[in-house]
Amino acid sequence: MPKTVLICDDEAYILESVSYVVRKEGFNVITAEDGAQALAQAREHRPDLMFLDVEMPHKTGYEVSAALKSAPETKDIYIIMLTARGQVADEKRGYEAHANEYITKPFSPRKLAKRLHEILG
C-alpha cells in the first residue's frame, strides 16, 4: 500500500506543485490550506510524512508541528517545514517545534523527490 503524504500550504501553486511531485513518485496525497485543516487532516489520516508551511491562516506551522509531536497518536509523523522563512531564527524555531527537517522555498522538485524516497523508501 502506498505511503501517504500530507501537504499543507495556503498558496495554491505550492500545493499543486508539491502534490504533483509526490503523486509522480507514487505516494498518496492529502492537502490542507490552513493550520486548522492541517491538524484535522493529520489526526484523521495519520500520514507518513507531512510538508508543512510556516505562515498559514488559523495556526502556524510551528503550532501544528508542536501539537502533532506532543500527541502520542501523531508524534511519529515525519514533518518537513517547507517555507519561505529562511532565517536561522526561523529554522531554530521549526526544530524547537519538533519538525524533523526544514527546507526553504524555492525548492528543487528533484531534491524533494529524492528526500521522499530516502524517508519513505
Protein backbone atom coordinates (compact mmCIF):
# COMPACT_ATOMS: atom_id res chain seq x y z
CA MET A 1 0.00 0.00 0.00
CA PRO A 2 1.46 3.41 -0.95
CA LYS A 3 2.56 5.74 1.83
CA THR A 4 0.57 8.92 2.42
CA VAL A 5 1.90 12.48 2.36
CA LEU A 6 0.00 15.47 3.76
CA ILE A 7 0.85 18.79 2.07
CA CYS A 8 -0.12 21.93 3.97
CA ASP A 9 0.21 25.36 2.36
CA ASP A 10 -2.09 28.33 1.85
CA GLU A 11 -0.64 29.04 -1.60
CA ALA A 12 -2.45 27.03 -4.28
CA TYR A 13 0.51 26.81 -6.65
CA ILE A 14 2.72 25.32 -3.91
CA LEU A 15 0.02 22.77 -3.06
CA GLU A 16 -0.27 21.86 -6.74
CA SER A 17 3.46 21.65 -7.46
CA VAL A 18 4.34 19.62 -4.36
CA SER A 19 1.30 17.38 -4.89
CA TYR A 20 2.43 16.75 -8.47
CA VAL A 21 5.91 15.68 -7.33
CA VAL A 22 4.54 13.43 -4.56
CA ARG A 23 1.97 11.72 -6.84
CA LYS A 24 4.54 11.30 -9.61
CA GLU A 25 6.76 9.44 -7.12
CA GLY A 26 3.91 7.03 -6.32
CA PHE A 27 2.65 8.28 -2.97
CA ASN A 28 -0.90 9.17 -1.88
CA VAL A 29 -1.61 12.88 -1.34
CA ILE A 30 -3.81 14.72 1.13
CA THR A 31 -3.84 18.53 1.24
CA ALA A 32 -4.71 21.28 3.70
CA GLU A 33 -4.90 25.02 3.09
CA ASP A 34 -4.56 26.29 6.66
CA GLY A 35 -3.20 25.25 10.02
CA ALA A 36 -6.53 24.10 11.46
CA GLN A 37 -7.15 21.88 8.40
CA ALA A 38 -3.60 20.55 8.65
CA LEU A 39 -4.16 19.45 12.26
CA ALA A 40 -7.51 17.86 11.44
CA GLN A 41 -6.18 16.01 8.36
CA ALA A 42 -3.11 14.77 10.24
CA ARG A 43 -5.21 13.49 13.14
CA GLU A 44 -7.73 11.81 10.84
CA HIS A 45 -5.40 10.26 8.24
CA ARG A 46 -2.11 9.88 10.16
CA PRO A 47 0.13 10.46 7.14
CA ASP A 48 3.63 9.01 6.96
CA LEU A 49 5.12 12.38 6.04
CA MET A 50 3.94 15.97 6.10
CA PHE A 51 5.15 19.06 4.22
CA LEU A 52 4.16 21.99 6.40
CA ASP A 53 4.29 25.70 5.58
CA VAL A 54 5.05 28.08 8.46
CA GLU A 55 2.86 31.07 7.60
CA MET A 56 -0.73 29.85 7.31
CA PRO A 57 -4.12 31.12 8.47
CA HIS A 58 -5.64 29.89 11.78
CA LYS A 59 -2.50 28.12 13.08
CA THR A 60 1.14 28.48 12.12
CA GLY A 61 3.21 25.53 11.01
CA TYR A 62 5.12 25.84 14.29
CA GLU A 63 1.88 25.42 16.27
CA VAL A 64 0.76 22.49 14.11
CA SER A 65 4.11 20.71 14.41
CA ALA A 66 4.28 21.18 18.19
CA ALA A 67 0.69 19.92 18.64
CA LEU A 68 1.25 16.83 16.47
CA LYS A 69 4.59 15.92 18.02
CA SER A 70 3.18 16.23 21.56
CA ALA A 71 0.33 13.76 20.91
CA PRO A 72 1.09 10.02 21.15
CA GLU A 73 -1.05 9.13 18.11
CA THR A 74 0.64 11.64 15.77
CA LYS A 75 4.16 12.03 17.21
CA ASP A 76 5.70 9.71 14.60
CA ILE A 77 4.58 11.73 11.55
CA TYR A 78 7.74 12.89 9.77
CA ILE A 79 7.38 16.68 9.45
CA ILE A 80 9.28 18.76 6.93
CA MET A 81 8.78 22.50 7.24
CA LEU A 82 8.65 23.84 3.66
CA THR A 83 8.74 27.61 3.92
CA ALA A 84 9.99 30.90 2.54
CA ARG A 85 11.17 31.85 6.04
CA GLY A 86 14.87 31.14 5.72
CA GLN A 87 16.43 32.99 8.64
CA VAL A 88 18.44 31.00 11.19
CA ALA A 89 15.97 32.01 13.91
CA ASP A 90 13.06 30.66 11.84
CA GLU A 91 14.80 27.35 11.29
CA LYS A 92 15.67 27.13 15.00
CA ARG A 93 12.02 27.77 15.86
CA GLY A 94 10.99 24.97 13.46
CA TYR A 95 13.25 22.49 15.23
CA GLU A 96 12.02 23.74 18.61
CA ALA A 97 8.50 22.84 17.39
CA HIS A 98 9.95 19.34 16.75
CA ALA A 99 9.91 19.41 12.95
CA ASN A 100 12.21 16.73 11.53
CA GLU A 101 13.56 18.91 8.70
CA TYR A 102 13.43 22.49 7.47
CA ILE A 103 13.54 23.23 3.72
CA THR A 104 13.31 26.75 2.31
CA LYS A 105 11.43 27.84 -0.81
CA PRO A 106 12.12 27.88 -3.65
CA PHE A 107 12.81 24.16 -3.57
CA SER A 108 14.11 21.73 -6.14
CA PRO A 109 11.44 19.20 -7.20
CA ARG A 110 14.21 16.69 -7.89
CA LYS A 111 15.62 17.07 -4.37
CA LEU A 112 12.12 16.85 -2.91
CA ALA A 113 11.52 13.57 -4.78
CA LYS A 114 14.88 12.23 -3.58
CA ARG A 115 14.04 13.09 0.06
CA LEU A 116 10.64 11.40 -0.26
CA HIS A 117 12.28 8.14 -1.25
CA GLU A 118 15.03 8.43 1.36
CA ILE A 119 12.46 8.89 4.13
CA LEU A 120 9.60 6.68 2.94
CA GLY A 121 11.51 4.08 0.97
